[in-house]
C-alpha atoms as a PDB file:
ATOM      1  CA  UNK A   1      13.607 -13.611  14.982  1.00  0.00           C
ATOM      2  CA  UNK A   2      15.841 -13.557  11.859  1.00  0.00           C
ATOM      3  CA  UNK A   3      17.917 -10.532  11.196  1.00  0.00           C
ATOM      4  CA  UNK A   4      15.867  -7.754   9.527  1.00  0.00           C
ATOM      5  CA  UNK A   5      16.845  -5.256   6.760  1.00  0.00           C
ATOM      6  CA  UNK A   6      15.762  -1.838   7.501  1.00  0.00           C
ATOM      7  CA  UNK A   7      15.477   0.576   4.724  1.00  0.00           C
ATOM      8  CA  UNK A   8      15.628   4.302   4.391  1.00  0.00           C
ATOM      9  CA  UNK A   9      14.151   6.830   2.306  1.00  0.00           C
ATOM     10  CA  UNK A  10      14.402  10.611   2.307  1.00  0.00           C
ATOM     11  CA  UNK A  11      12.179  12.763   1.134  1.00  0.00           C
ATOM     12  CA  UNK A  12      12.313  16.725   1.535  1.00  0.00           C
ATOM     13  CA  UNK A  13      14.310  15.248   3.245  1.00  0.00           C
ATOM     14  CA  UNK A  14      12.173  13.502   5.816  1.00  0.00           C
ATOM     15  CA  UNK A  15      12.979   9.916   6.810  1.00  0.00           C
ATOM     16  CA  UNK A  16      10.597   7.105   6.240  1.00  0.00           C
ATOM     17  CA  UNK A  17      11.874   3.752   7.399  1.00  0.00           C
ATOM     18  CA  UNK A  18      10.296   0.410   6.157  1.00  0.00           C
ATOM     19  CA  UNK A  19      11.161  -3.331   6.264  1.00  0.00           C
ATOM     20  CA  UNK A  20       9.587  -6.596   5.533  1.00  0.00           C
ATOM     21  CA  UNK A  21       8.962  -9.118   8.793  1.00  0.00           C
ATOM     22  CA  UNK A  22       8.829 -12.620   7.627  1.00  0.00           C
ATOM     23  CA  UNK A  23       5.470 -14.356   8.257  1.00  0.00           C
ATOM     24  CA  UNK A  24       7.344 -17.081  10.262  1.00  0.00           C
ATOM     25  CA  UNK A  25       8.467 -14.468  12.855  1.00  0.00           C
ATOM     26  CA  UNK A  26       4.892 -12.389  13.012  1.00  0.00           C
ATOM     27  CA  UNK A  27       2.154 -13.878  11.268  1.00  0.00           C
ATOM     28  CA  UNK A  28      -0.198 -11.423   9.565  1.00  0.00           C
ATOM     29  CA  UNK A  29      -3.167 -13.859   9.715  1.00  0.00           C
ATOM     30  CA  UNK A  30      -3.273 -14.429  13.364  1.00  0.00           C
ATOM     31  CA  UNK A  31      -2.794 -10.120  13.399  1.00  0.00           C
ATOM     32  CA  UNK A  32      -6.009 -10.116  11.569  1.00  0.00           C
ATOM     33  CA  UNK A  33      -7.723 -13.003  13.882  1.00  0.00           C
ATOM     34  CA  UNK A  34      -6.581 -10.748  16.812  1.00  0.00           C
ATOM     35  CA  UNK A  35      -7.919  -7.536  15.424  1.00  0.00           C
ATOM     36  CA  UNK A  36     -11.262  -8.975  14.571  1.00  0.00           C
ATOM     37  CA  UNK A  37     -11.427 -10.418  17.472  1.00  0.00           C
ATOM     38  CA  UNK A  38     -11.261  -6.982  19.392  1.00  0.00           C
ATOM     39  CA  UNK A  39     -13.651  -5.675  16.824  1.00  0.00           C
ATOM     40  CA  UNK A  40     -16.240  -8.129  17.662  1.00  0.00           C
ATOM     41  CA  UNK A  41     -15.915  -7.250  21.165  1.00  0.00           C
ATOM     42  CA  UNK A  42     -17.235  -3.956  19.840  1.00  0.00           C
ATOM     43  CA  UNK A  43     -14.228  -1.981  21.790  1.00  0.00           C
ATOM     44  CA  UNK A  44     -13.793   0.527  18.935  1.00  0.00           C
ATOM     45  CA  UNK A  45     -15.828   2.827  16.966  1.00  0.00           C
ATOM     46  CA  UNK A  46     -16.657   3.655  13.355  1.00  0.00           C
ATOM     47  CA  UNK A  47     -14.967   6.574  11.401  1.00  0.00           C
ATOM     48  CA  UNK A  48     -17.353   7.681   9.012  1.00  0.00           C
ATOM     49  CA  UNK A  49     -15.805  10.913   8.645  1.00  0.00           C
ATOM     50  CA  UNK A  50     -12.825   8.813   7.079  1.00  0.00           C
ATOM     51  CA  UNK A  51     -14.477   6.970   4.505  1.00  0.00           C
ATOM     52  CA  UNK A  52     -16.106   3.979   6.164  1.00  0.00           C
ATOM     53  CA  UNK A  53     -13.800   2.514   8.638  1.00  0.00           C
ATOM     54  CA  UNK A  54     -13.324   1.087  12.232  1.00  0.00           C
ATOM     55  CA  UNK A  55     -10.656   1.781  14.671  1.00  0.00           C
ATOM     56  CA  UNK A  56      -9.935   0.022  17.955  1.00  0.00           C
ATOM     57  CA  UNK A  57      -9.322   2.081  21.386  1.00  0.00           C
ATOM     58  CA  UNK A  58      -5.995   1.774  22.684  1.00  0.00           C
ATOM     59  CA  UNK A  59      -4.815  -1.994  22.998  1.00  0.00           C
ATOM     60  CA  UNK A  60      -1.476  -1.059  24.750  1.00  0.00           C
ATOM     61  CA  UNK A  61      -3.070  -2.688  28.201  1.00  0.00           C
ATOM     62  CA  UNK A  62      -4.396  -5.801  26.740  1.00  0.00           C
ATOM     63  CA  UNK A  63      -1.001  -6.473  24.439  1.00  0.00           C
ATOM     64  CA  UNK A  64       0.926  -6.081  27.622  1.00  0.00           C
ATOM     65  CA  UNK A  65      -1.467  -8.176  29.699  1.00  0.00           C
ATOM     66  CA  UNK A  66      -0.801 -10.936  26.890  1.00  0.00           C
ATOM     67  CA  UNK A  67      -4.686 -10.891  25.708  1.00  0.00           C
ATOM     68  CA  UNK A  68      -3.229 -10.645  22.326  1.00  0.00           C
ATOM     69  CA  UNK A  69       0.241 -12.806  21.619  1.00  0.00           C
ATOM     70  CA  UNK A  70       0.915 -12.142  18.288  1.00  0.00           C
ATOM     71  CA  UNK A  71       0.100  -8.322  18.783  1.00  0.00           C
ATOM     72  CA  UNK A  72       2.813  -8.550  21.782  1.00  0.00           C
ATOM     73  CA  UNK A  73       5.612  -9.982  19.592  1.00  0.00           C
ATOM     74  CA  UNK A  74       4.590  -7.068  16.934  1.00  0.00           C
ATOM     75  CA  UNK A  75       4.863  -4.623  19.686  1.00  0.00           C
ATOM     76  CA  UNK A  76       8.289  -5.789  20.958  1.00  0.00           C
ATOM     77  CA  UNK A  77       9.610  -5.560  17.378  1.00  0.00           C
ATOM     78  CA  UNK A  78       8.407  -1.916  17.097  1.00  0.00           C
ATOM     79  CA  UNK A  79       9.970  -1.053  20.081  1.00  0.00           C
ATOM     80  CA  UNK A  80      13.288  -2.938  19.689  1.00  0.00           C
ATOM     81  CA  UNK A  81      13.502  -1.345  15.991  1.00  0.00           C
ATOM     82  CA  UNK A  82      12.405   2.382  17.142  1.00  0.00           C
ATOM     83  CA  UNK A  83      15.447   2.107  19.134  1.00  0.00           C
ATOM     84  CA  UNK A  84      17.540   2.249  16.058  1.00  0.00           C
ATOM     85  CA  UNK A  85      15.666   4.769  14.841  1.00  0.00           C
ATOM     86  CA  UNK A  86      15.743   6.963  17.599  1.00  0.00           C
ATOM     87  CA  UNK A  87      19.471   6.887  17.234  1.00  0.00           C
ATOM     88  CA  UNK A  88      19.542   7.354  13.578  1.00  0.00           C
ATOM     89  CA  UNK A  89      16.857  10.147  13.697  1.00  0.00           C
ATOM     90  CA  UNK A  90      18.235  11.961  17.076  1.00  0.00           C
ATOM     91  CA  UNK A  91      15.696  11.772  19.088  1.00  0.00           C
ATOM     92  CA  UNK A  92      16.206  13.135  22.749  1.00  0.00           C
ATOM     93  CA  UNK A  93      15.060  10.052  23.977  1.00  0.00           C
ATOM     94  CA  UNK A  94      17.054   7.034  23.204  1.00  0.00           C
ATOM     95  CA  UNK A  95      14.352   4.416  23.869  1.00  0.00           C
ATOM     96  CA  UNK A  96      10.974   5.074  22.663  1.00  0.00           C
ATOM     97  CA  UNK A  97       7.804   3.327  23.790  1.00  0.00           C
ATOM     98  CA  UNK A  98       4.588   2.718  22.820  1.00  0.00           C
ATOM     99  CA  UNK A  99       1.854   4.782  24.078  1.00  0.00           C
ATOM    100  CA  UNK A 100      -1.036   3.829  21.730  1.00  0.00           C
ATOM    101  CA  UNK A 101      -1.757   0.767  19.693  1.00  0.00           C
ATOM    102  CA  UNK A 102      -4.807   0.235  17.668  1.00  0.00           C
ATOM    103  CA  UNK A 103      -5.959  -1.688  14.831  1.00  0.00           C
ATOM    104  CA  UNK A 104      -7.634  -0.102  11.875  1.00  0.00           C
ATOM    105  CA  UNK A 105     -10.018  -1.964   9.446  1.00  0.00           C
ATOM    106  CA  UNK A 106     -10.423   0.468   6.080  1.00  0.00           C
ATOM    107  CA  UNK A 107     -13.465  -1.132   4.558  1.00  0.00           C
ATOM    108  CA  UNK A 108     -14.121  -1.200   0.542  1.00  0.00           C
ATOM    109  CA  UNK A 109     -14.461   2.383  -0.913  1.00  0.00           C
ATOM    110  CA  UNK A 110     -13.437   3.831   2.255  1.00  0.00           C
ATOM    111  CA  UNK A 111     -10.402   6.338   2.678  1.00  0.00           C
ATOM    112  CA  UNK A 112      -8.546   8.110   5.228  1.00  0.00           C
ATOM    113  CA  UNK A 113      -8.289  11.846   5.105  1.00  0.00           C
ATOM    114  CA  UNK A 114      -5.341  13.830   5.979  1.00  0.00           C
ATOM    115  CA  UNK A 115      -3.706  14.068   9.108  1.00  0.00           C
ATOM    116  CA  UNK A 116      -0.643  13.849  11.568  1.00  0.00           C
ATOM    117  CA  UNK A 117       0.133  12.427  14.806  1.00  0.00           C
ATOM    118  CA  UNK A 118       0.920  14.168  18.193  1.00  0.00           C
ATOM    119  CA  UNK A 119       4.145  11.532  19.383  1.00  0.00           C
ATOM    120  CA  UNK A 120       7.470  11.789  17.628  1.00  0.00           C
ATOM    121  CA  UNK A 121       7.385   8.503  15.925  1.00  0.00           C
ATOM    122  CA  UNK A 122       4.458   6.329  14.164  1.00  0.00           C
ATOM    123  CA  UNK A 123       4.976   2.705  13.173  1.00  0.00           C
ATOM    124  CA  UNK A 124       2.195   1.275  10.815  1.00  0.00           C
ATOM    125  CA  UNK A 125       2.008  -2.427  10.059  1.00  0.00           C
ATOM    126  CA  UNK A 126       0.034  -4.233   7.103  1.00  0.00           C
ATOM    127  CA  UNK A 127      -1.886  -7.401   8.371  1.00  0.00           C
ATOM    128  CA  UNK A 128      -4.237  -7.790   5.291  1.00  0.00           C
ATOM    129  CA  UNK A 129      -4.145  -5.523   2.050  1.00  0.00           C
ATOM    130  CA  UNK A 130      -5.352  -6.589  -1.236  1.00  0.00           C
ATOM    131  CA  UNK A 131      -4.318  -5.521  -4.422  1.00  0.00           C
ATOM    132  CA  UNK A 132      -6.177  -2.078  -5.193  1.00  0.00           C
ATOM    133  CA  UNK A 133      -6.738  -1.660  -1.549  1.00  0.00           C
ATOM    134  CA  UNK A 134      -5.489   1.671  -1.051  1.00  0.00           C
ATOM    135  CA  UNK A 135      -1.931   3.564  -0.913  1.00  0.00           C
ATOM    136  CA  UNK A 136      -0.618   5.734   1.781  1.00  0.00           C
ATOM    137  CA  UNK A 137       0.745   9.016   0.580  1.00  0.00           C
ATOM    138  CA  UNK A 138       3.007  11.199   2.295  1.00  0.00           C
ATOM    139  CA  UNK A 139       2.933  15.051   1.942  1.00  0.00           C
ATOM    140  CA  UNK A 140       5.872  17.419   2.919  1.00  0.00           C
ATOM    141  CA  UNK A 141       5.552  20.267   5.275  1.00  0.00           C
ATOM    142  CA  UNK A 142       3.785  23.225   3.177  1.00  0.00           C
ATOM    143  CA  UNK A 143       4.866  24.878   1.297  1.00  0.00           C
ATOM    144  CA  UNK A 144       8.366  23.191   1.093  1.00  0.00           C
ATOM    145  CA  UNK A 145       7.681  21.450  -1.944  1.00  0.00           C
ATOM    146  CA  UNK A 146       6.603  24.026  -4.080  1.00  0.00           C
ATOM    147  CA  UNK A 147       9.148  26.434  -2.998  1.00  0.00           C
ATOM    148  CA  UNK A 148      11.890  24.075  -3.854  1.00  0.00           C
ATOM    149  CA  UNK A 149      10.095  23.473  -7.243  1.00  0.00           C
ATOM    150  CA  UNK A 150      11.072  27.375  -8.034  1.00  0.00           C
ATOM    151  CA  UNK A 151      14.754  26.651  -7.413  1.00  0.00           C
ATOM    152  CA  UNK A 152      15.103  22.892  -9.173  1.00  0.00           C
ATOM    153  CA  UNK A 153      15.530  21.901 -12.699  1.00  0.00           C
ATOM    154  CA  UNK A 154      13.490  18.793 -12.323  1.00  0.00           C
ATOM    155  CA  UNK A 155      11.556  16.457  -9.539  1.00  0.00           C
ATOM    156  CA  UNK A 156      13.742  15.013  -7.053  1.00  0.00           C
ATOM    157  CA  UNK A 157      13.359  14.176  -3.537  1.00  0.00           C
ATOM    158  CA  UNK A 158      13.230  17.394  -2.270  1.00  0.00           C
ATOM    159  CA  UNK A 159      10.540  19.185  -4.082  1.00  0.00           C
ATOM    160  CA  UNK A 160       8.216  16.100  -4.783  1.00  0.00           C
ATOM    161  CA  UNK A 161       4.546  16.959  -3.769  1.00  0.00           C
ATOM    162  CA  UNK A 162       3.676  13.469  -2.599  1.00  0.00           C
ATOM    163  CA  UNK A 163       5.249  10.189  -1.949  1.00  0.00           C
ATOM    164  CA  UNK A 164       2.980   6.915  -1.977  1.00  0.00           C
ATOM    165  CA  UNK A 165       3.734   3.383  -1.011  1.00  0.00           C
ATOM    166  CA  UNK A 166       1.489   0.545  -1.613  1.00  0.00           C
ATOM    167  CA  UNK A 167       0.177  -1.497   1.286  1.00  0.00           C
ATOM    168  CA  UNK A 168       2.538  -5.078   1.236  1.00  0.00           C
ATOM    169  CA  UNK A 169       1.125  -7.912   3.764  1.00  0.00           C
ATOM    170  CA  UNK A 170       4.088  -7.942   6.702  1.00  0.00           C
ATOM    171  CA  UNK A 171       5.620  -4.843   5.567  1.00  0.00           C
ATOM    172  CA  UNK A 172       5.724  -2.103   8.305  1.00  0.00           C
ATOM    173  CA  UNK A 173       6.648   1.517   8.134  1.00  0.00           C
ATOM    174  CA  UNK A 174       8.062   3.871  10.369  1.00  0.00           C
ATOM    175  CA  UNK A 175       8.097   7.824  10.101  1.00  0.00           C
ATOM    176  CA  UNK A 176       7.821  11.198  12.478  1.00  0.00           C
ATOM    177  CA  UNK A 177       4.311  11.942  13.778  1.00  0.00           C
ATOM    178  CA  UNK A 178       4.549  15.290  12.312  1.00  0.00           C
ATOM    179  CA  UNK A 179       4.471  14.172   8.454  1.00  0.00           C
ATOM    180  CA  UNK A 180       1.108  14.556   7.088  1.00  0.00           C
ATOM    181  CA  UNK A 181      -0.429  11.601   5.520  1.00  0.00           C
ATOM    182  CA  UNK A 182      -3.497  10.045   4.057  1.00  0.00           C
ATOM    183  CA  UNK A 183      -4.916   6.540   2.450  1.00  0.00           C
ATOM    184  CA  UNK A 184      -6.455   6.871  -1.183  1.00  0.00           C
ATOM    185  CA  UNK A 185      -9.702   5.066  -1.922  1.00  0.00           C
ATOM    186  CA  UNK A 186      -9.866   1.192  -1.015  1.00  0.00           C
ATOM    187  CA  UNK A 187     -10.888  -0.234  -4.497  1.00  0.00           C
ATOM    188  CA  UNK A 188     -10.508  -3.645  -3.466  1.00  0.00           C
ATOM    189  CA  UNK A 189     -13.573  -5.943  -2.377  1.00  0.00           C
ATOM    190  CA  UNK A 190     -11.673  -6.631   1.088  1.00  0.00           C
ATOM    191  CA  UNK A 191     -10.788  -4.741   4.116  1.00  0.00           C
ATOM    192  CA  UNK A 192      -7.213  -3.098   4.420  1.00  0.00           C
ATOM    193  CA  UNK A 193      -6.428  -4.232   8.438  1.00  0.00           C
ATOM    194  CA  UNK A 194      -3.547  -2.474   9.772  1.00  0.00           C
ATOM    195  CA  UNK A 195      -2.004  -2.050  13.117  1.00  0.00           C
ATOM    196  CA  UNK A 196      -0.811   1.595  14.140  1.00  0.00           C
ATOM    197  CA  UNK A 197       1.619   2.675  16.934  1.00  0.00           C
ATOM    198  CA  UNK A 198       2.186   5.742  18.468  1.00  0.00           C
ATOM    199  CA  UNK A 199       5.776   6.249  20.168  1.00  0.00           C
ATOM    200  CA  UNK A 200       7.229   8.521  22.623  1.00  0.00           C
END
């Protein structure tokens, strides 16, 4: 696998790391096929409360068993990169391991409501994302941004009320699990397909 360049942006200040994985190293089309195979098995459920989406059950065991080789490569990448992030962030455990992994299908006209994760680190990889398929929005811990605005001259990275990123195929994000986030409406005609990981 070629050397990656890991970017970090800080908001509120909370770090959000991301990088673009070469399609030669991890092929997003194969990731889509493996997620579709899991969906075809019916091993998951629809989330109508999240605005028409489908999520698989935990895929850690099938991935470790070699059922999905490309997802295994992605999982290895996540754990290897998480070692750097753990050191950078100062986590107590220097080596984080994936505890949960799942495929997400966000259907056209679907969205995902505001939520957090209970694990210290989350990774999110985009395997299929057409233009307009829905940005991910991050929000600060309340009422941090509002109180910061009272004492600052203009908008800056410490007082923004939200920060959003467009989904890009092959891009992976890492962020603390407690950071509130949601996904806006998928206005494309395609499913947005992503893979999420919770690490501890």
